Amino acid sequence: MQYEILEDEFVGIRIDKYLNEINEDYTRSFVQKMIEEGNVTVNGKTVKASYKLKKNDVIDIEEIENTELEVEAEDIPLDIVYEDEDLIIVNKAKGMVVHPGNGNYTGTLVNALLFTHKDRLSAINGVVRPGIVHRIDKDTSGIIVVAKNDKAHKTLSSAFKVHNITRKYIAVVKGIVEKDNIKIDLPIGRSATDRIKMAVTEKNSREAITHIKVLKRFYESGYTLVEAKLETGRTHQIRVHMSYIGHPLLGDDTYGPAKNEFGISGQVLHAKTLGFNHPTTGKYIEFEQEEPEEFKEILNKLK
């Protein structure tokens, strides 16, 4: 993993603080551990945690296993859609975090999986993220794939990396989207004004492409139901892209209005379809899950 310091706002900041802010999976102590063990270099040289960043510094990180957390198994109900010797397809509920991290150490998908599948998950991502190939946001419901062995994990990770995955979401967005189909090709990176948020930016960003298809327009209430097909998979990609073009997701108080007439919290976004080539058979398989009850209730009110 590599970062280049191009923005003046980061100049003079301690490297441990910077890395803690830009990666939600890193605690300050874990960052310091990586630095102490020589897994973080600046311009090819090891540094101390107190090193203050300079303009154009290039930071390289060789991740180590995050063992500072002891993740406990918890008896939490899971909606398992499909399972075989290589993978598990879970229909994740809204409100569930995928894996333990800053401020969320219990009640996650990983805690639940350790109860039902202990010692039957891939070990590639260590004790904090066993089996986790990809993530969806806490308040996004829908399909996620989990790897049960390292071979399946590597194959699936490669497919995500080269965008050889079918991922379709449905969302309710503010306003009437006029065009039936939109291709949003705008790079996404960490926001320069709020390090918790992502933003459309040219600085320290990565390519992000979302294909939007209008499913239904609710003219009286001023909302639109859309399908969002991901060509890339950046953090908060759909939420950031839709907000940028003036159609933030209903309930998304991070990238949209703080309040809404439905009184709901968390974006109305559902990972509906996930398709890929099976890691062992090579055969294309696809899974689809209908939206949760809260989503359906909102659509009924909009009608």
C-alpha atoms as a PDB file:
ATOM      1  CA  MET A   1       0.000   0.000   0.000  1.00  0.00           C
ATOM      2  CA  GLN A   2       1.402   3.400  -0.948  1.00  0.00           C
ATOM      3  CA  TYR A   3       0.495   7.012  -0.201  1.00  0.00           C
ATOM      4  CA  GLU A   4       2.046  10.198  -1.553  1.00  0.00           C
ATOM      5  CA  ILE A   5       1.798  13.454   0.390  1.00  0.00           C
ATOM      6  CA  LEU A   6       0.556  15.957  -2.165  1.00  0.00           C
ATOM      7  CA  GLU A   7      -1.710  18.106   0.007  1.00  0.00           C
ATOM      8  CA  ASP A   8      -0.283  20.919   2.149  1.00  0.00           C
ATOM      9  CA  GLU A   9      -2.667  20.123   5.012  1.00  0.00           C
ATOM     10  CA  PHE A  10      -0.714  16.943   5.828  1.00  0.00           C
ATOM     11  CA  VAL A  11       2.702  18.575   5.931  1.00  0.00           C
ATOM     12  CA  GLY A  12       3.993  18.639   9.504  1.00  0.00           C
ATOM     13  CA  ILE A  13       1.591  15.941  10.777  1.00  0.00           C
ATOM     14  CA  ARG A  14       3.033  12.928  12.608  1.00  0.00           C
ATOM     15  CA  ILE A  15       3.054   9.851  10.406  1.00  0.00           C
ATOM     16  CA  ASP A  16       1.277   7.687  13.005  1.00  0.00           C
ATOM     17  CA  LYS A  17      -1.565  10.197  13.252  1.00  0.00           C
ATOM     18  CA  TYR A  18      -1.827  10.460   9.456  1.00  0.00           C
ATOM     19  CA  LEU A  19      -2.047   6.688   8.922  1.00  0.00           C
ATOM     20  CA  ASN A  20      -4.574   6.323  11.724  1.00  0.00           C
ATOM     21  CA  GLU A  21      -6.812   8.966  10.127  1.00  0.00           C
ATOM     22  CA  ILE A  22      -6.749   7.690   6.556  1.00  0.00           C
ATOM     23  CA  ASN A  23      -7.419   4.032   7.339  1.00  0.00           C
ATOM     24  CA  GLU A  24     -10.411   3.178   9.510  1.00  0.00           C
ATOM     25  CA  ASP A  25      -9.005  -0.308  10.198  1.00  0.00           C
ATOM     26  CA  TYR A  26      -5.876   1.034  11.910  1.00  0.00           C
ATOM     27  CA  THR A  27      -5.809   2.025  15.557  1.00  0.00           C
ATOM     28  CA  ARG A  28      -3.052   4.424  16.648  1.00  0.00           C
ATOM     29  CA  SER A  29      -1.280   1.654  18.592  1.00  0.00           C
ATOM     30  CA  PHE A  30      -1.400  -0.725  15.610  1.00  0.00           C
ATOM     31  CA  VAL A  31       0.110   1.951  13.358  1.00  0.00           C
ATOM     32  CA  GLN A  32       2.886   2.524  15.887  1.00  0.00           C
ATOM     33  CA  LYS A  33       3.543  -1.220  16.024  1.00  0.00           C
ATOM     34  CA  MET A  34       3.922  -1.385  12.217  1.00  0.00           C
ATOM     35  CA  ILE A  35       6.314   1.561  12.313  1.00  0.00           C
ATOM     36  CA  GLU A  36       8.386   0.073  15.169  1.00  0.00           C
ATOM     37  CA  GLU A  37       8.713  -3.232  13.327  1.00  0.00           C
ATOM     38  CA  GLY A  38       9.944  -1.485  10.169  1.00  0.00           C
ATOM     39  CA  ASN A  39       6.857  -2.171   8.077  1.00  0.00           C
ATOM     40  CA  VAL A  40       6.395   1.506   7.226  1.00  0.00           C
ATOM     41  CA  THR A  41       8.922   3.418   5.132  1.00  0.00           C
ATOM     42  CA  VAL A  42       9.072   6.992   3.892  1.00  0.00           C
ATOM     43  CA  ASN A  43      10.963   7.508   0.650  1.00  0.00           C
ATOM     44  CA  GLY A  44      12.415   4.026   1.082  1.00  0.00           C
ATOM     45  CA  LYS A  45      13.673   4.549   4.650  1.00  0.00           C
ATOM     46  CA  THR A  46      12.273   3.455   8.016  1.00  0.00           C
ATOM     47  CA  VAL A  47      11.097   6.242  10.317  1.00  0.00           C
ATOM     48  CA  LYS A  48       9.882   6.772  13.876  1.00  0.00           C
ATOM     49  CA  ALA A  49       6.212   7.259  14.798  1.00  0.00           C
ATOM     50  CA  SER A  50       6.998  10.891  15.562  1.00  0.00           C
ATOM     51  CA  TYR A  51       8.259  11.578  12.021  1.00  0.00           C
ATOM     52  CA  LYS A  52       6.560  14.660  10.591  1.00  0.00           C
ATOM     53  CA  LEU A  53       5.456  14.458   6.993  1.00  0.00           C
ATOM     54  CA  LYS A  54       6.953  16.609   4.242  1.00  0.00           C
ATOM     55  CA  LYS A  55       5.557  17.582   0.864  1.00  0.00           C
ATOM     56  CA  ASN A  56       5.945  14.814  -1.751  1.00  0.00           C
ATOM     57  CA  ASP A  57       6.867  12.145   0.820  1.00  0.00           C
ATOM     58  CA  VAL A  58       6.043   8.646  -0.437  1.00  0.00           C
ATOM     59  CA  ILE A  59       4.836   6.260   2.261  1.00  0.00           C
ATOM     60  CA  ASP A  60       4.961   2.504   1.711  1.00  0.00           C
ATOM     61  CA  ILE A  61       3.209   0.084   4.075  1.00  0.00           C
ATOM     62  CA  GLU A  62       3.766  -3.651   4.347  1.00  0.00           C
ATOM     63  CA  GLU A  63       0.843  -4.715   6.510  1.00  0.00           C
ATOM     64  CA  ILE A  64       1.269  -7.087   9.413  1.00  0.00           C
ATOM     65  CA  GLU A  65      -1.422  -9.066  11.169  1.00  0.00           C
ATOM     66  CA  ASN A  66      -3.396  -6.942  13.603  1.00  0.00           C
ATOM     67  CA  THR A  67      -3.285  -9.108  16.731  1.00  0.00           C
ATOM     68  CA  GLU A  68      -4.039  -6.376  19.245  1.00  0.00           C
ATOM     69  CA  LEU A  69      -7.728  -7.278  19.203  1.00  0.00           C
ATOM     70  CA  GLU A  70      -9.095 -10.509  20.606  1.00  0.00           C
ATOM     71  CA  VAL A  71     -12.215 -11.157  18.572  1.00  0.00           C
ATOM     72  CA  GLU A  72     -14.817 -13.207  20.390  1.00  0.00           C
ATOM     73  CA  ALA A  73     -17.396 -15.524  18.873  1.00  0.00           C
ATOM     74  CA  GLU A  74     -20.967 -14.315  19.401  1.00  0.00           C
ATOM     75  CA  ASP A  75     -24.266 -16.097  18.862  1.00  0.00           C
ATOM     76  CA  ILE A  76     -25.765 -13.620  16.404  1.00  0.00           C
ATOM     77  CA  PRO A  77     -28.345 -14.777  13.831  1.00  0.00           C
ATOM     78  CA  LEU A  78     -27.103 -14.709  10.221  1.00  0.00           C
ATOM     79  CA  ASP A  79     -29.061 -14.995   6.991  1.00  0.00           C
ATOM     80  CA  ILE A  80     -26.876 -17.452   5.066  1.00  0.00           C
ATOM     81  CA  VAL A  81     -28.086 -17.601   1.469  1.00  0.00           C
ATOM     82  CA  TYR A  82     -25.647 -20.209   0.173  1.00  0.00           C
ATOM     83  CA  GLU A  83     -22.682 -22.217   1.410  1.00  0.00           C
ATOM     84  CA  ASP A  84     -20.267 -24.809   0.055  1.00  0.00           C
ATOM     85  CA  GLU A  85     -16.723 -25.964   0.841  1.00  0.00           C
ATOM     86  CA  ASP A  86     -15.183 -22.719  -0.417  1.00  0.00           C
ATOM     87  CA  LEU A  87     -17.482 -19.843   0.374  1.00  0.00           C
ATOM     88  CA  ILE A  88     -20.443 -18.451   2.269  1.00  0.00           C
ATOM     89  CA  ILE A  89     -22.963 -15.974   0.872  1.00  0.00           C
ATOM     90  CA  VAL A  90     -24.511 -13.845   3.628  1.00  0.00           C
ATOM     91  CA  ASN A  91     -27.426 -11.443   3.333  1.00  0.00           C
ATOM     92  CA  LYS A  92     -26.117  -8.836   5.809  1.00  0.00           C
ATOM     93  CA  ALA A  93     -28.633  -6.873   7.837  1.00  0.00           C
ATOM     94  CA  LYS A  94     -28.603  -3.084   7.938  1.00  0.00           C
ATOM     95  CA  GLY A  95     -26.783  -1.849  11.034  1.00  0.00           C
ATOM     96  CA  MET A  96     -24.260  -4.699  11.192  1.00  0.00           C
ATOM     97  CA  VAL A  97     -20.562  -3.834  10.831  1.00  0.00           C
ATOM     98  CA  VAL A  98     -18.606  -6.356   8.746  1.00  0.00           C
ATOM     99  CA  HIS A  99     -15.533  -6.739  10.961  1.00  0.00           C
ATOM    100  CA  PRO A 100     -14.151  -5.329  14.242  1.00  0.00           C
ATOM    101  CA  GLY A 101     -12.427  -1.968  14.021  1.00  0.00           C
ATOM    102  CA  ASN A 102     -12.316   1.445  15.616  1.00  0.00           C
ATOM    103  CA  GLY A 103     -15.175   1.583  18.119  1.00  0.00           C
ATOM    104  CA  ASN A 104     -16.867  -1.610  16.849  1.00  0.00           C
ATOM    105  CA  TYR A 105     -15.469  -4.674  18.574  1.00  0.00           C
ATOM    106  CA  THR A 106     -18.629  -6.725  19.081  1.00  0.00           C
ATOM    107  CA  GLY A 107     -21.784  -7.470  17.139  1.00  0.00           C
ATOM    108  CA  THR A 108     -20.011  -7.656  13.784  1.00  0.00           C
ATOM    109  CA  LEU A 109     -20.381 -10.170  10.975  1.00  0.00           C
ATOM    110  CA  VAL A 110     -16.997 -11.630  11.940  1.00  0.00           C
ATOM    111  CA  ASN A 111     -18.121 -12.153  15.558  1.00  0.00           C
ATOM    112  CA  ALA A 112     -21.141 -14.043  14.238  1.00  0.00           C
ATOM    113  CA  LEU A 113     -19.111 -16.107  11.760  1.00  0.00           C
ATOM    114  CA  LEU A 114     -16.654 -17.162  14.471  1.00  0.00           C
ATOM    115  CA  PHE A 115     -19.579 -18.676  16.374  1.00  0.00           C
ATOM    116  CA  THR A 116     -20.844 -20.725  13.428  1.00  0.00           C
ATOM    117  CA  HIS A 117     -17.653 -21.283  11.417  1.00  0.00           C
ATOM    118  CA  LYS A 118     -14.716 -21.159  13.825  1.00  0.00           C
ATOM    119  CA  ASP A 119     -11.568 -22.629  12.199  1.00  0.00           C
ATOM    120  CA  ARG A 120     -13.466 -22.832   8.884  1.00  0.00           C
ATOM    121  CA  LEU A 121     -12.600 -19.377   7.530  1.00  0.00           C
ATOM    122  CA  SER A 122      -9.629 -18.243   5.466  1.00  0.00           C
ATOM    123  CA  ALA A 123      -6.711 -16.928   7.521  1.00  0.00           C
ATOM    124  CA  ILE A 124      -5.348 -14.440   4.990  1.00  0.00           C
ATOM    125  CA  ASN A 125      -6.660 -11.358   6.790  1.00  0.00           C
ATOM    126  CA  GLY A 126      -5.662 -12.533  10.259  1.00  0.00           C
ATOM    127  CA  VAL A 127      -7.696 -12.706  13.448  1.00  0.00           C
ATOM    128  CA  VAL A 128      -9.667  -9.499  12.893  1.00  0.00           C
ATOM    129  CA  ARG A 129     -10.975 -10.177   9.388  1.00  0.00           C
ATOM    130  CA  PRO A 130     -10.999 -13.971   8.861  1.00  0.00           C
ATOM    131  CA  GLY A 131     -12.703 -14.852   5.587  1.00  0.00           C
ATOM    132  CA  ILE A 132     -13.536 -11.251   4.716  1.00  0.00           C
ATOM    133  CA  VAL A 133     -12.911 -10.676   1.008  1.00  0.00           C
ATOM    134  CA  HIS A 134     -14.776  -7.358   0.680  1.00  0.00           C
ATOM    135  CA  ARG A 135     -16.981  -5.062   2.743  1.00  0.00           C
ATOM    136  CA  ILE A 136     -20.223  -3.182   2.541  1.00  0.00           C
ATOM    137  CA  ASP A 137     -21.038  -0.270   4.836  1.00  0.00           C
ATOM    138  CA  LYS A 138     -22.662  -0.761   8.232  1.00  0.00           C
ATOM    139  CA  ASP A 139     -25.994   0.712   7.126  1.00  0.00           C
ATOM    140  CA  THR A 140     -25.969  -0.948   3.702  1.00  0.00           C
ATOM    141  CA  SER A 141     -27.898  -4.219   3.650  1.00  0.00           C
ATOM    142  CA  GLY A 142     -27.397  -7.099   1.266  1.00  0.00           C
ATOM    143  CA  ILE A 143     -25.091  -9.727  -0.163  1.00  0.00           C
ATOM    144  CA  ILE A 144     -21.496 -10.274   0.886  1.00  0.00           C
ATOM    145  CA  VAL A 145     -19.220 -13.234   0.090  1.00  0.00           C
ATOM    146  CA  VAL A 146     -16.968 -14.835   2.734  1.00  0.00           C
ATOM    147  CA  ALA A 147     -14.075 -17.197   1.936  1.00  0.00           C
ATOM    148  CA  LYS A 148     -13.705 -20.451   3.870  1.00  0.00           C
ATOM    149  CA  ASN A 149     -10.141 -21.212   2.756  1.00  0.00           C
ATOM    150  CA  ASP A 150      -7.087 -19.315   1.545  1.00  0.00           C
ATOM    151  CA  LYS A 151      -7.286 -20.569  -2.049  1.00  0.00           C
ATOM    152  CA  ALA A 152     -10.848 -19.318  -2.450  1.00  0.00           C
ATOM    153  CA  HIS A 153      -9.923 -16.048  -0.751  1.00  0.00           C
ATOM    154  CA  LYS A 154      -7.035 -15.365  -3.141  1.00  0.00           C
ATOM    155  CA  THR A 155      -9.137 -16.203  -6.206  1.00  0.00           C
ATOM    156  CA  LEU A 156     -12.038 -14.011  -5.112  1.00  0.00           C
ATOM    157  CA  SER A 157      -9.735 -11.144  -4.096  1.00  0.00           C
ATOM    158  CA  SER A 158      -8.123 -11.227  -7.540  1.00  0.00           C
ATOM    159  CA  ALA A 159     -11.553 -11.083  -9.186  1.00  0.00           C
ATOM    160  CA  PHE A 160     -12.471  -8.000  -7.122  1.00  0.00           C
ATOM    161  CA  LYS A 161      -9.115  -6.411  -7.920  1.00  0.00           C
ATOM    162  CA  VAL A 162      -9.555  -6.728 -11.701  1.00  0.00           C
ATOM    163  CA  HIS A 163     -13.276  -5.840 -11.455  1.00  0.00           C
ATOM    164  CA  ASN A 164     -14.375  -9.279 -12.687  1.00  0.00           C
ATOM    165  CA  ILE A 165     -17.377  -9.212 -10.356  1.00  0.00           C
ATOM    166  CA  THR A 166     -21.044  -8.344 -10.914  1.00  0.00           C
ATOM    167  CA  ARG A 167     -22.235  -5.989  -8.181  1.00  0.00           C
ATOM    168  CA  LYS A 168     -25.616  -4.304  -8.392  1.00  0.00           C
ATOM    169  CA  TYR A 169     -27.192  -2.175  -5.671  1.00  0.00           C
ATOM    170  CA  ILE A 170     -30.553  -0.467  -5.410  1.00  0.00           C
ATOM    171  CA  ALA A 171     -31.013   2.857  -3.645  1.00  0.00           C
ATOM    172  CA  VAL A 172     -33.536   5.599  -3.046  1.00  0.00           C
ATOM    173  CA  VAL A 173     -32.012   8.986  -3.846  1.00  0.00           C
ATOM    174  CA  LYS A 174     -33.151  12.544  -3.274  1.00  0.00           C
ATOM    175  CA  GLY A 175     -34.565  14.400  -6.274  1.00  0.00           C
ATOM    176  CA  ILE A 176     -35.723  13.283  -9.703  1.00  0.00           C
ATOM    177  CA  VAL A 177     -32.890  11.788 -11.740  1.00  0.00           C
ATOM    178  CA  GLU A 178     -33.653  12.978 -15.260  1.00  0.00           C
ATOM    179  CA  LYS A 179     -31.531  10.666 -17.412  1.00  0.00           C
ATOM    180  CA  ASP A 180     -32.469   6.989 -17.572  1.00  0.00           C
ATOM    181  CA  ASN A 181     -28.827   5.884 -17.587  1.00  0.00           C
ATOM    182  CA  ILE A 182     -25.738   7.669 -16.256  1.00  0.00           C
ATOM    183  CA  LYS A 183     -22.099   6.646 -16.187  1.00  0.00           C
ATOM    184  CA  ILE A 184     -20.283   8.399 -13.334  1.00  0.00           C
ATOM    185  CA  ASP A 185     -16.527   8.267 -13.890  1.00  0.00           C
ATOM    186  CA  LEU A 186     -15.029  10.396 -11.118  1.00  0.00           C
ATOM    187  CA  PRO A 187     -12.005   9.534  -8.908  1.00  0.00           C
ATOM    188  CA  ILE A 188     -12.548   9.114  -5.166  1.00  0.00           C
ATOM    189  CA  GLY A 189     -10.138   9.777  -2.324  1.00  0.00           C
ATOM    190  CA  ARG A 190     -10.108  10.924   1.278  1.00  0.00           C
ATOM    191  CA  SER A 191     -11.810  14.293   1.817  1.00  0.00           C
ATOM    192  CA  ALA A 192      -9.389  17.178   2.376  1.00  0.00           C
ATOM    193  CA  THR A 193     -11.776  18.859   4.828  1.00  0.00           C
ATOM    194  CA  ASP A 194     -13.102  15.870   6.781  1.00  0.00           C
ATOM    195  CA  ARG A 195     -10.808  12.847   7.077  1.00  0.00           C
ATOM    196  CA  ILE A 196     -13.706  10.552   8.016  1.00  0.00           C
ATOM    197  CA  LYS A 197     -15.400  11.206   4.682  1.00  0.00           C
ATOM    198  CA  MET A 198     -14.518  10.311   1.102  1.00  0.00           C
ATOM    199  CA  ALA A 199     -14.855  12.771  -1.783  1.00  0.00           C
ATOM    200  CA  VAL A 200     -14.536  13.215  -5.523  1.00  0.00           C
ATOM    201  CA  THR A 201     -11.001  14.529  -5.846  1.00  0.00           C
ATOM    202  CA  GLU A 202      -7.921  14.324  -8.064  1.00  0.00           C
ATOM    203  CA  LYS A 203      -5.525  14.218  -5.080  1.00  0.00           C
ATOM    204  CA  ASN A 204      -4.503  10.870  -3.578  1.00  0.00           C
ATOM    205  CA  SER A 205      -7.507   9.300  -5.273  1.00  0.00           C
ATOM    206  CA  ARG A 206      -8.320   6.178  -7.254  1.00  0.00           C
ATOM    207  CA  GLU A 207     -10.459   5.556 -10.311  1.00  0.00           C
ATOM    208  CA  ALA A 208     -14.140   5.095  -9.478  1.00  0.00           C
ATOM    209  CA  ILE A 209     -16.875   4.198 -11.984  1.00  0.00           C
ATOM    210  CA  THR A 210     -20.569   3.747 -11.201  1.00  0.00           C
ATOM    211  CA  HIS A 211     -23.307   2.962 -13.725  1.00  0.00           C
ATOM    212  CA  ILE A 212     -26.721   4.332 -12.711  1.00  0.00           C
ATOM    213  CA  LYS A 213     -30.034   3.092 -14.105  1.00  0.00           C
ATOM    214  CA  VAL A 214     -33.350   4.706 -13.132  1.00  0.00           C
ATOM    215  CA  LEU A 215     -35.901   2.123 -11.977  1.00  0.00           C
ATOM    216  CA  LYS A 216     -38.736   4.421 -10.895  1.00  0.00           C
ATOM    217  CA  ARG A 217     -39.336   8.130 -10.401  1.00  0.00           C
ATOM    218  CA  PHE A 218     -41.582   9.342  -7.572  1.00  0.00           C
ATOM    219  CA  TYR A 219     -42.506  12.800  -8.839  1.00  0.00           C
ATOM    220  CA  GLU A 220     -44.864  13.804  -6.003  1.00  0.00           C
ATOM    221  CA  SER A 221     -42.393  13.056  -3.211  1.00  0.00           C
ATOM    222  CA  GLY A 222     -39.281  14.033  -5.168  1.00  0.00           C
ATOM    223  CA  TYR A 223     -37.308  10.786  -4.939  1.00  0.00           C
ATOM    224  CA  THR A 224     -35.914   8.282  -7.440  1.00  0.00           C
ATOM    225  CA  LEU A 225     -35.306   4.547  -7.136  1.00  0.00           C
ATOM    226  CA  VAL A 226     -32.078   3.637  -8.929  1.00  0.00           C
ATOM    227  CA  GLU A 227     -29.895   0.649  -9.644  1.00  0.00           C
ATOM    228  CA  ALA A 228     -26.177   1.270  -9.211  1.00  0.00           C
ATOM    229  CA  LYS A 229     -23.792  -1.149 -10.895  1.00  0.00           C
ATOM    230  CA  LEU A 230     -20.209  -0.925  -9.664  1.00  0.00           C
ATOM    231  CA  GLU A 231     -17.327  -1.148 -12.101  1.00  0.00           C
ATOM    232  CA  THR A 232     -14.902  -0.355  -9.267  1.00  0.00           C
ATOM    233  CA  GLY A 233     -15.321  -0.710  -5.515  1.00  0.00           C
ATOM    234  CA  ARG A 234     -14.118   2.335  -3.609  1.00  0.00           C
ATOM    235  CA  THR A 235     -15.117   3.193  -0.056  1.00  0.00           C
ATOM    236  CA  HIS A 236     -18.599   4.827  -0.019  1.00  0.00           C
ATOM    237  CA  GLN A 237     -18.483   4.921  -3.843  1.00  0.00           C
ATOM    238  CA  ILE A 238     -22.222   5.020  -4.592  1.00  0.00           C
ATOM    239  CA  ARG A 239     -22.917   7.439  -1.745  1.00  0.00           C
ATOM    240  CA  VAL A 240     -20.146   9.823  -2.806  1.00  0.00           C
ATOM    241  CA  HIS A 241     -20.964   9.714  -6.517  1.00  0.00           C
ATOM    242  CA  MET A 242     -24.701  10.254  -6.057  1.00  0.00           C
ATOM    243  CA  SER A 243     -24.148  13.112  -3.610  1.00  0.00           C
ATOM    244  CA  TYR A 244     -21.685  14.729  -6.012  1.00  0.00           C
ATOM    245  CA  ILE A 245     -24.227  14.803  -8.866  1.00  0.00           C
ATOM    246  CA  GLY A 246     -26.859  16.289  -6.578  1.00  0.00           C
ATOM    247  CA  HIS A 247     -28.816  13.156  -5.639  1.00  0.00           C
ATOM    248  CA  PRO A 248     -27.691  11.994  -2.169  1.00  0.00           C
ATOM    249  CA  LEU A 249     -29.124   8.760  -0.816  1.00  0.00           C
ATOM    250  CA  LEU A 250     -32.163   8.951   1.428  1.00  0.00           C
ATOM    251  CA  GLY A 251     -31.069   8.618   5.069  1.00  0.00           C
ATOM    252  CA  ASP A 252     -27.389   9.294   4.347  1.00  0.00           C
ATOM    253  CA  ASP A 253     -26.598  12.016   6.876  1.00  0.00           C
ATOM    254  CA  THR A 254     -22.883  11.838   6.028  1.00  0.00           C
ATOM    255  CA  TYR A 255     -23.215  12.863   2.387  1.00  0.00           C
ATOM    256  CA  GLY A 256     -26.743  14.238   2.396  1.00  0.00           C
ATOM    257  CA  PRO A 257     -29.303  16.048   4.583  1.00  0.00           C
ATOM    258  CA  ALA A 258     -29.104  15.467   8.344  1.00  0.00           C
ATOM    259  CA  LYS A 259     -32.862  14.883   8.549  1.00  0.00           C
ATOM    260  CA  ASN A 260     -35.528  13.311   6.342  1.00  0.00           C
ATOM    261  CA  GLU A 261     -39.308  13.086   6.436  1.00  0.00           C
ATOM    262  CA  PHE A 262     -39.203   9.325   7.066  1.00  0.00           C
ATOM    263  CA  GLY A 263     -37.185   9.729  10.254  1.00  0.00           C
ATOM    264  CA  ILE A 264     -34.755   6.978   9.270  1.00  0.00           C
ATOM    265  CA  SER A 265     -31.039   6.868   9.987  1.00  0.00           C
ATOM    266  CA  GLY A 266     -28.569   5.329   7.576  1.00  0.00           C
ATOM    267  CA  GLN A 267     -28.623   5.256   3.794  1.00  0.00           C
ATOM    268  CA  VAL A 268     -31.377   3.368   1.953  1.00  0.00           C
ATOM    269  CA  LEU A 269     -28.949   1.196  -0.008  1.00  0.00           C
ATOM    270  CA  HIS A 270     -29.135  -2.548  -0.648  1.00  0.00           C
ATOM    271  CA  ALA A 271     -26.518  -4.831  -2.214  1.00  0.00           C
ATOM    272  CA  LYS A 272     -29.003  -6.763  -4.333  1.00  0.00           C
ATOM    273  CA  THR A 273     -26.900  -8.794  -6.780  1.00  0.00           C
ATOM    274  CA  LEU A 274     -23.461 -10.402  -6.551  1.00  0.00           C
ATOM    275  CA  GLY A 275     -22.006 -12.600  -9.280  1.00  0.00           C
ATOM    276  CA  PHE A 276     -18.576 -14.136  -9.917  1.00  0.00           C
ATOM    277  CA  ASN A 277     -16.769 -17.209 -11.205  1.00  0.00           C
ATOM    278  CA  HIS A 278     -16.667 -19.897  -8.532  1.00  0.00           C
ATOM    279  CA  PRO A 279     -13.104 -20.154  -7.123  1.00  0.00           C
ATOM    280  CA  THR A 280     -12.980 -23.945  -7.604  1.00  0.00           C
ATOM    281  CA  THR A 281     -15.279 -24.831 -10.510  1.00  0.00           C
ATOM    282  CA  GLY A 282     -14.743 -21.633 -12.493  1.00  0.00           C
ATOM    283  CA  LYS A 283     -18.474 -21.612 -13.267  1.00  0.00           C
ATOM    284  CA  TYR A 284     -20.236 -18.248 -13.093  1.00  0.00           C
ATOM    285  CA  ILE A 285     -22.676 -18.056 -10.190  1.00  0.00           C
ATOM    286  CA  GLU A 286     -24.943 -15.169  -9.229  1.00  0.00           C
ATOM    287  CA  PHE A 287     -26.983 -14.413  -6.137  1.00  0.00           C
ATOM    288  CA  GLU A 288     -29.826 -11.958  -5.665  1.00  0.00           C
ATOM    289  CA  GLN A 289     -31.635 -10.862  -2.517  1.00  0.00           C
ATOM    290  CA  GLU A 290     -34.703  -8.654  -2.311  1.00  0.00           C
ATOM    291  CA  GLU A 291     -34.582  -5.484  -0.271  1.00  0.00           C
ATOM    292  CA  PRO A 292     -35.292  -5.580   3.502  1.00  0.00           C
ATOM    293  CA  GLU A 293     -38.631  -4.613   5.052  1.00  0.00           C
ATOM    294  CA  GLU A 294     -37.614  -1.037   5.912  1.00  0.00           C
ATOM    295  CA  PHE A 295     -36.680  -0.484   2.272  1.00  0.00           C
ATOM    296  CA  LYS A 296     -40.021  -1.920   1.095  1.00  0.00           C
ATOM    297  CA  GLU A 297     -41.962   0.213   3.554  1.00  0.00           C
ATOM    298  CA  ILE A 298     -40.309   3.362   2.212  1.00  0.00           C
ATOM    299  CA  LEU A 299     -41.148   2.384  -1.368  1.00  0.00           C
ATOM    300  CA  ASN A 300     -44.777   1.817  -0.358  1.00  0.00           C
ATOM    301  CA  LYS A 301     -44.924   5.264   1.222  1.00  0.00           C
ATOM    302  CA  LEU A 302     -43.409   6.830  -1.889  1.00  0.00           C
ATOM    303  CA  LYS A 303     -46.054   5.168  -4.085  1.00  0.00           C
END
